[in-house]
C-alpha atoms as a PDB file:
ATOM      1  CA  MET A   1      -0.303  -0.059  -0.209  1.00  0.00           C
ATOM      2  CA  VAL A   2       0.954   3.435  -0.882  1.00  0.00           C
ATOM      3  CA  LYS A   3       1.831   5.655   2.170  1.00  0.00           C
ATOM      4  CA  GLY A   4      -0.762   8.506   2.875  1.00  0.00           C
ATOM      5  CA  ILE A   5      -1.566  10.516  -0.235  1.00  0.00           C
ATOM      6  CA  LYS A   6       1.612   9.978  -1.948  1.00  0.00           C
ATOM      7  CA  SER A   7       2.105   9.999  -5.765  1.00  0.00           C
ATOM      8  CA  PRO A   8       4.785   8.810  -8.436  1.00  0.00           C
ATOM      9  CA  TYR A   9       4.953  12.816  -9.638  1.00  0.00           C
ATOM     10  CA  ASP A  10       5.399  14.333  -5.836  1.00  0.00           C
ATOM     11  CA  GLY A  11       9.249  14.563  -6.217  1.00  0.00           C
ATOM     12  CA  ASP A  12       9.735  12.109  -3.142  1.00  0.00           C
ATOM     13  CA  THR A  13      12.430  10.351  -5.107  1.00  0.00           C
ATOM     14  CA  ALA A  14      13.894   8.759  -1.381  1.00  0.00           C
ATOM     15  CA  TYR A  15      10.278   7.319  -0.749  1.00  0.00           C
ATOM     16  CA  TRP A  16       9.556   5.480  -4.225  1.00  0.00           C
ATOM     17  CA  SER A  17      12.928   4.475  -4.669  1.00  0.00           C
ATOM     18  CA  GLU A  18      12.994   2.502  -1.246  1.00  0.00           C
ATOM     19  CA  ARG A  19       9.339   1.505  -2.138  1.00  0.00           C
ATOM     20  CA  ASN A  20      10.607  -0.008  -5.456  1.00  0.00           C
ATOM     21  CA  SER A  21      13.449  -1.965  -4.002  1.00  0.00           C
ATOM     22  CA  LYS A  22      11.373  -3.649  -1.897  1.00  0.00           C
ATOM     23  CA  LEU A  23      10.564  -5.844  -5.141  1.00  0.00           C
ATOM     24  CA  TYR A  24      13.703  -7.299  -4.922  1.00  0.00           C
ATOM     25  CA  ASP A  25      15.206  -9.647  -2.485  1.00  0.00           C
ATOM     26  CA  GLY A  26      18.150 -11.629  -1.619  1.00  0.00           C
ATOM     27  CA  GLU A  27      21.580 -10.162  -2.680  1.00  0.00           C
ATOM     28  CA  THR A  28      20.010  -6.984  -4.680  1.00  0.00           C
ATOM     29  CA  SER A  29      17.888  -6.071  -1.712  1.00  0.00           C
ATOM     30  CA  PHE A  30      21.234  -6.117   0.101  1.00  0.00           C
ATOM     31  CA  ALA A  31      22.999  -3.796  -2.281  1.00  0.00           C
ATOM     32  CA  LEU A  32      20.612  -1.609  -2.885  1.00  0.00           C
ATOM     33  CA  LYS A  33      19.597  -1.030   1.045  1.00  0.00           C
ATOM     34  CA  LYS A  34      24.089  -1.037   1.331  1.00  0.00           C
ATOM     35  CA  GLN A  35      24.076   1.917  -1.413  1.00  0.00           C
ATOM     36  CA  ASN A  36      21.148   3.713   0.005  1.00  0.00           C
ATOM     37  CA  HIS A  37      18.747   2.577  -3.002  1.00  0.00           C
ATOM     38  CA  ARG A  38      21.054   4.666  -5.322  1.00  0.00           C
ATOM     39  CA  CYS A  39      22.930   3.021  -8.079  1.00  0.00           C
ATOM     40  CA  ALA A  40      26.719   2.307  -7.549  1.00  0.00           C
ATOM     41  CA  SER A  41      27.541   3.422 -11.470  1.00  0.00           C
ATOM     42  CA  CYS A  42      25.727   6.569 -12.149  1.00  0.00           C
ATOM     43  CA  GLY A  43      24.702   7.352  -8.774  1.00  0.00           C
ATOM     44  CA  LEU A  44      21.348   8.164  -9.232  1.00  0.00           C
ATOM     45  CA  LYS A  45      18.255   6.725  -7.352  1.00  0.00           C
ATOM     46  CA  PHE A  46      16.070   3.658  -8.908  1.00  0.00           C
ATOM     47  CA  ILE A  47      13.016   5.521  -9.600  1.00  0.00           C
ATOM     48  CA  ASP A  48      11.304   4.346 -12.840  1.00  0.00           C
ATOM     49  CA  GLU A  49      10.557   1.227 -14.172  1.00  0.00           C
ATOM     50  CA  GLU A  50      14.096   0.557 -15.181  1.00  0.00           C
ATOM     51  CA  ARG A  51      15.366  -2.763 -13.931  1.00  0.00           C
ATOM     52  CA  VAL A  52      18.308  -3.304 -11.388  1.00  0.00           C
ATOM     53  CA  HIS A  53      20.762  -5.530 -11.960  1.00  0.00           C
ATOM     54  CA  LEU A  54      23.310  -7.205  -9.966  1.00  0.00           C
ATOM     55  CA  HIS A  55      26.682  -6.406 -11.331  1.00  0.00           C
ATOM     56  CA  HIS A  56      30.064  -8.642 -10.478  1.00  0.00           C
ATOM     57  CA  ILE A  57      32.595  -5.728  -9.518  1.00  0.00           C
ATOM     58  CA  ASP A  58      35.389  -8.606 -10.053  1.00  0.00           C
ATOM     59  CA  GLY A  59      33.953  -9.756 -13.246  1.00  0.00           C
ATOM     60  CA  ASN A  60      33.415 -13.396 -12.052  1.00  0.00           C
ATOM     61  CA  HIS A  61      30.511 -14.452 -12.023  1.00  0.00           C
ATOM     62  CA  ALA A  62      30.578 -17.192  -9.442  1.00  0.00           C
ATOM     63  CA  ASN A  63      31.924 -15.167  -7.186  1.00  0.00           C
ATOM     64  CA  TRP A  64      28.707 -13.879  -5.022  1.00  0.00           C
ATOM     65  CA  LYS A  65      30.652 -12.447  -1.659  1.00  0.00           C
ATOM     66  CA  LYS A  66      28.685  -9.438  -0.708  1.00  0.00           C
ATOM     67  CA  ASN A  67      31.531  -7.025  -1.159  1.00  0.00           C
ATOM     68  CA  ASN A  68      31.691  -8.132  -4.945  1.00  0.00           C
ATOM     69  CA  LEU A  69      28.129  -7.175  -5.646  1.00  0.00           C
ATOM     70  CA  GLU A  70      26.582  -3.719  -6.656  1.00  0.00           C
ATOM     71  CA  ALA A  71      23.413  -3.103  -7.632  1.00  0.00           C
ATOM     72  CA  ILE A  72      23.095  -0.888 -10.794  1.00  0.00           C
ATOM     73  CA  HIS A  73      20.621   0.504 -13.415  1.00  0.00           C
ATOM     74  CA  GLU A  74      20.193  -1.712 -16.024  1.00  0.00           C
ATOM     75  CA  SER A  75      21.201   0.315 -18.839  1.00  0.00           C
ATOM     76  CA  CYS A  76      24.520   1.161 -16.530  1.00  0.00           C
ATOM     77  CA  HIS A  77      24.974  -2.671 -16.368  1.00  0.00           C
ATOM     78  CA  ASP A  78      24.582  -2.644 -20.161  1.00  0.00           C
ATOM     79  CA  TYR A  79      27.474   0.393 -20.931  1.00  0.00           C
ATOM     80  CA  LYS A  80      30.071  -1.166 -18.448  1.00  0.00           C
ATOM     81  CA  HIS A  81      30.124  -4.339 -20.425  1.00  0.00           C
ATOM     82  CA  MET A  82      29.800  -2.576 -23.782  1.00  0.00           C
ATOM     83  CA  SER A  83      32.304  -0.673 -22.878  1.00  0.00           C
ATOM     84  CA  LYS A  84      34.744  -3.585 -21.361  1.00  0.00           C
ATOM     85  CA  SER A  85      34.266  -5.557 -25.035  1.00  0.00           C
ATOM     86  CA  ALA A  86      35.184  -2.193 -26.838  1.00  0.00           C
ATOM     87  CA  SER A  87      38.436  -1.826 -24.674  1.00  0.00           C
END
């Protein structure tokens, strides 16, 4: 349930980012809370319909340690991997 008279258009990005992050569980939820519901790549809050991706910092997809995972926007994740393949 939405709190009080809240609206996605009221400008309260902190409320909506935190509310939307509750759609995730496990490691993604942990990373979102640790990062204060901000993208580890661009620093913006997660407020729109764009999906949250879990990025492996060291590139090792078998390393699921919490300090190796960060929550980032889907587009930021695409950009990180695109820029790695271009170099």
